[in-house]
Amino acid sequence: MDHDYNERELKMLEVLLLNLAAHANMLITKGNMMFNPLEKNEDDLFRFQFAWQKSLSEEQYKDFIESVEKKYNTALMMSTIENVRIYFQ
């Protein structure tokens, strides 16, 4: 991805996406979730590992991913940030 966002804009985007993930987590798991930053590649806008104290069921994880994807896609569209791919590993 070829982007020209400055450090402040990237930080604001990061905070937005972390808050959206936290909201999805509370709706789905109703438990605590930790965010661990990962080293970003040159093309990455956002790269974090989400971790829970206890494992999620397969259904909870699927619901969490669906909720986060919807929230991220909506936020990125409304922010006119285009050509973004979202990966979950």
Protein backbone atom coordinates (compact mmCIF):
# COMPACT_ATOMS: atom_id res chain seq x y z
CA MET A 1 0.00 0.00 0.00
CA ASP A 2 1.35 3.37 -0.92
CA HIS A 3 0.22 5.84 1.74
CA ASP A 4 1.33 9.32 2.68
CA TYR A 5 -0.02 9.55 6.23
CA ASN A 6 2.10 11.36 8.77
CA GLU A 7 2.96 9.92 12.18
CA ARG A 8 0.09 11.74 13.91
CA GLU A 9 -2.49 10.50 11.39
CA LEU A 10 -1.21 6.93 11.74
CA LYS A 11 -1.45 7.18 15.54
CA MET A 12 -5.03 8.46 15.30
CA LEU A 13 -5.91 5.58 12.97
CA GLU A 14 -4.29 3.12 15.35
CA VAL A 15 -6.29 4.47 18.32
CA LEU A 16 -9.51 4.32 16.30
CA LEU A 17 -8.92 0.71 15.24
CA LEU A 18 -7.93 -0.40 18.75
CA ASN A 19 -11.09 1.17 20.18
CA LEU A 20 -13.24 -0.53 17.55
CA ALA A 21 -11.63 -3.88 18.38
CA ALA A 22 -12.17 -3.27 22.11
CA HIS A 23 -15.84 -2.49 21.46
CA ALA A 24 -16.27 -5.66 19.39
CA ASN A 25 -14.54 -7.66 22.11
CA MET A 26 -16.89 -6.41 24.83
CA LEU A 27 -19.94 -7.17 22.69
CA ILE A 28 -18.78 -10.69 21.84
CA THR A 29 -16.68 -12.00 24.74
CA LYS A 30 -17.59 -9.63 27.57
CA GLY A 31 -14.05 -10.24 28.86
CA ASN A 32 -10.67 -8.58 28.90
CA MET A 33 -8.49 -8.42 25.81
CA MET A 34 -4.90 -7.23 25.51
CA PHE A 35 -3.34 -5.47 22.53
CA ASN A 36 0.27 -6.26 21.73
CA PRO A 37 1.88 -4.10 19.04
CA LEU A 38 3.80 -6.01 16.38
CA GLU A 39 6.57 -4.70 14.17
CA LYS A 40 5.00 -3.15 11.11
CA ASN A 41 6.15 -3.81 7.59
CA GLU A 42 6.58 -0.84 5.27
CA ASP A 43 3.08 -1.30 3.83
CA ASP A 44 1.30 -1.85 7.17
CA LEU A 45 -0.92 0.84 8.62
CA PHE A 46 -1.79 -1.19 11.71
CA ARG A 47 -0.39 -4.42 13.13
CA PHE A 48 -1.40 -5.77 16.52
CA GLN A 49 -1.85 -9.10 18.24
CA PHE A 50 -5.02 -9.47 20.29
CA ALA A 51 -4.81 -11.78 23.30
CA TRP A 52 -7.34 -13.06 25.84
CA GLN A 53 -6.83 -14.52 29.31
CA LYS A 54 -8.76 -17.61 28.34
CA SER A 55 -9.24 -19.10 24.90
CA LEU A 56 -12.27 -18.08 22.89
CA SER A 57 -14.62 -20.67 21.51
CA GLU A 58 -14.53 -21.07 17.75
CA GLU A 59 -17.93 -19.36 17.53
CA GLN A 60 -16.81 -16.41 19.67
CA TYR A 61 -13.67 -15.97 17.57
CA LYS A 62 -15.68 -16.10 14.32
CA ASP A 63 -18.17 -13.54 15.71
CA PHE A 64 -15.31 -11.30 16.91
CA ILE A 65 -13.60 -11.38 13.49
CA GLU A 66 -16.86 -10.61 11.67
CA SER A 67 -17.62 -7.71 14.00
CA VAL A 68 -14.12 -6.23 13.75
CA GLU A 69 -14.08 -6.54 9.96
CA LYS A 70 -17.41 -4.74 9.67
CA LYS A 71 -16.32 -1.98 12.05
CA TYR A 72 -12.94 -1.54 10.34
CA ASN A 73 -14.39 -1.52 6.83
CA THR A 74 -16.99 1.08 7.82
CA ALA A 75 -14.44 3.29 9.59
CA LEU A 76 -11.97 3.09 6.70
CA MET A 77 -14.66 3.84 4.14
CA MET A 78 -15.92 6.83 6.14
CA SER A 79 -12.32 8.05 6.49
CA THR A 80 -11.84 7.68 2.72
CA ILE A 81 -8.93 5.32 3.25
CA GLU A 82 -8.92 3.04 0.23
CA ASN A 83 -7.20 -0.13 -0.93
CA VAL A 84 -6.79 -1.63 2.53
CA ARG A 85 -6.60 -5.35 3.13
CA ILE A 86 -7.47 -6.74 6.55
CA TYR A 87 -5.78 -9.95 7.65
CA PHE A 88 -6.36 -12.07 10.72
CA GLN A 89 -3.89 -14.82 11.54
